Amino acid sequence: MPITVGSSALALSHPVQRESTMANEIEQLSMPFLADSDHGCSQRPKISRFLRLREVLHRTGLGRSTVYRWMDEGRFPKSVRLGGRSVAWIEHEIDEWLQGRCR
């Protein structure tokens, strides 16, 4: 679909395709370690996002002490150390845990 601006015509690509391409580029720029390259790690699932404690508490409705106690008991997904004193949880593990609780 050409659009004429002054004396030049611009050809726009399909908006959904353009948004998809932009989303992929943004994801690769913001988290380059999650790029589509394999590097022999095909056994592990792709990590989509890390959740910090506040988001985990919000999604699960649990309290902080319950999350850590259940982690120690093996009843809740383990956190991942990000560095220093920062930890986070892998989003799909929390989502799977929540779905398991609904059954």
Protein backbone atom coordinates (compact mmCIF):
# COMPACT_ATOMS: atom_id res chain seq x y z
CA MET A 1 0.00 0.00 0.00
CA PRO A 2 1.98 3.04 -1.19
CA ILE A 3 1.46 6.35 0.56
CA THR A 4 2.34 9.53 -1.27
CA VAL A 5 3.99 12.29 0.73
CA GLY A 6 4.84 15.28 -1.40
CA SER A 7 6.61 13.90 -4.46
CA SER A 8 7.82 10.60 -2.93
CA ALA A 9 5.91 7.38 -2.32
CA LEU A 10 6.48 5.24 0.78
CA ALA A 11 5.73 1.53 0.78
CA LEU A 12 4.64 0.25 4.22
CA SER A 13 4.94 -3.38 5.18
CA HIS A 14 2.11 -5.25 6.86
CA PRO A 15 1.68 -3.79 10.41
CA VAL A 16 1.55 -7.18 12.18
CA GLN A 17 4.74 -8.35 10.47
CA ARG A 18 6.47 -5.06 11.35
CA GLU A 19 5.39 -5.31 15.03
CA SER A 20 6.59 -8.92 15.23
CA THR A 21 9.98 -8.00 13.78
CA MET A 22 10.30 -5.04 16.15
CA ALA A 23 9.36 -7.20 19.14
CA ASN A 24 12.05 -9.75 18.20
CA GLU A 25 14.66 -7.03 17.79
CA ILE A 26 13.75 -5.44 21.13
CA GLU A 27 13.89 -8.82 22.90
CA GLN A 28 17.32 -9.56 21.46
CA LEU A 29 18.62 -6.12 22.40
CA SER A 30 17.24 -6.17 25.94
CA MET A 31 18.23 -9.78 26.65
CA PRO A 32 20.89 -10.87 24.15
CA PHE A 33 21.48 -14.15 26.00
CA LEU A 34 17.96 -15.19 24.97
CA ALA A 35 18.61 -14.83 21.24
CA ASP A 36 17.41 -17.63 19.00
CA SER A 37 20.89 -19.13 18.63
CA ASP A 38 21.12 -22.66 20.03
CA HIS A 39 24.70 -22.95 21.34
CA GLY A 40 24.04 -26.60 22.28
CA CYS A 41 21.53 -25.74 25.02
CA SER A 42 18.50 -27.29 23.36
CA GLN A 43 17.83 -29.46 26.44
CA ARG A 44 16.88 -26.51 28.66
CA PRO A 45 13.65 -24.56 28.13
CA LYS A 46 13.98 -20.99 26.93
CA ILE A 47 13.75 -18.52 29.80
CA SER A 48 11.23 -15.87 28.87
CA ARG A 49 11.45 -13.62 31.91
CA PHE A 50 12.67 -13.35 35.48
CA LEU A 51 10.23 -12.39 38.23
CA ARG A 52 11.41 -10.53 41.32
CA LEU A 53 9.99 -11.31 44.76
CA ARG A 54 7.33 -8.60 44.67
CA GLU A 55 5.85 -9.99 41.44
CA VAL A 56 6.00 -13.58 42.75
CA LEU A 57 4.14 -12.56 45.91
CA HIS A 58 1.56 -10.70 43.82
CA ARG A 59 0.97 -13.59 41.41
CA THR A 60 0.80 -16.32 44.03
CA GLY A 61 -0.88 -14.50 46.90
CA LEU A 62 1.67 -16.01 49.27
CA GLY A 63 3.70 -14.20 51.89
CA ARG A 64 7.46 -13.80 51.79
CA SER A 65 8.16 -16.25 54.62
CA THR A 66 5.84 -18.86 53.06
CA VAL A 67 7.64 -18.62 49.70
CA TYR A 68 11.06 -19.20 51.29
CA ARG A 69 9.80 -21.92 53.64
CA TRP A 70 8.11 -23.80 50.79
CA MET A 71 11.27 -23.43 48.68
CA ASP A 72 13.25 -25.13 51.47
CA GLU A 73 10.61 -27.88 51.68
CA GLY A 74 10.64 -28.41 47.90
CA ARG A 75 7.02 -27.28 47.53
CA PHE A 76 7.82 -24.12 45.51
CA PRO A 77 10.20 -23.37 42.60
CA LYS A 78 13.73 -22.39 43.61
CA SER A 79 14.96 -18.87 43.03
CA VAL A 80 17.92 -18.05 40.77
CA ARG A 81 20.75 -15.85 42.00
CA LEU A 82 21.21 -12.82 39.76
CA GLY A 83 24.25 -11.50 41.56
CA GLY A 84 25.06 -9.92 44.88
CA ARG A 85 21.94 -10.13 46.99
CA SER A 86 19.50 -10.23 44.05
CA VAL A 87 17.36 -13.26 43.32
CA ALA A 88 14.50 -13.93 40.93
CA TRP A 89 12.27 -16.76 39.80
CA ILE A 90 11.82 -18.06 36.26
CA GLU A 91 8.39 -17.00 35.03
CA HIS A 92 7.37 -20.28 33.39
CA GLU A 93 8.25 -22.23 36.56
CA ILE A 94 5.95 -20.00 38.62
CA ASP A 95 3.22 -20.31 35.97
CA GLU A 96 3.55 -24.12 35.97
CA TRP A 97 3.43 -24.19 39.78
CA LEU A 98 0.26 -22.08 39.76
CA GLN A 99 -1.38 -24.33 37.17
CA GLY A 100 -0.46 -27.37 39.24
CA ARG A 101 -2.17 -25.82 42.26
CA CYS A 102 -5.39 -25.39 40.27
CA ARG A 103 -5.70 -29.10 39.49
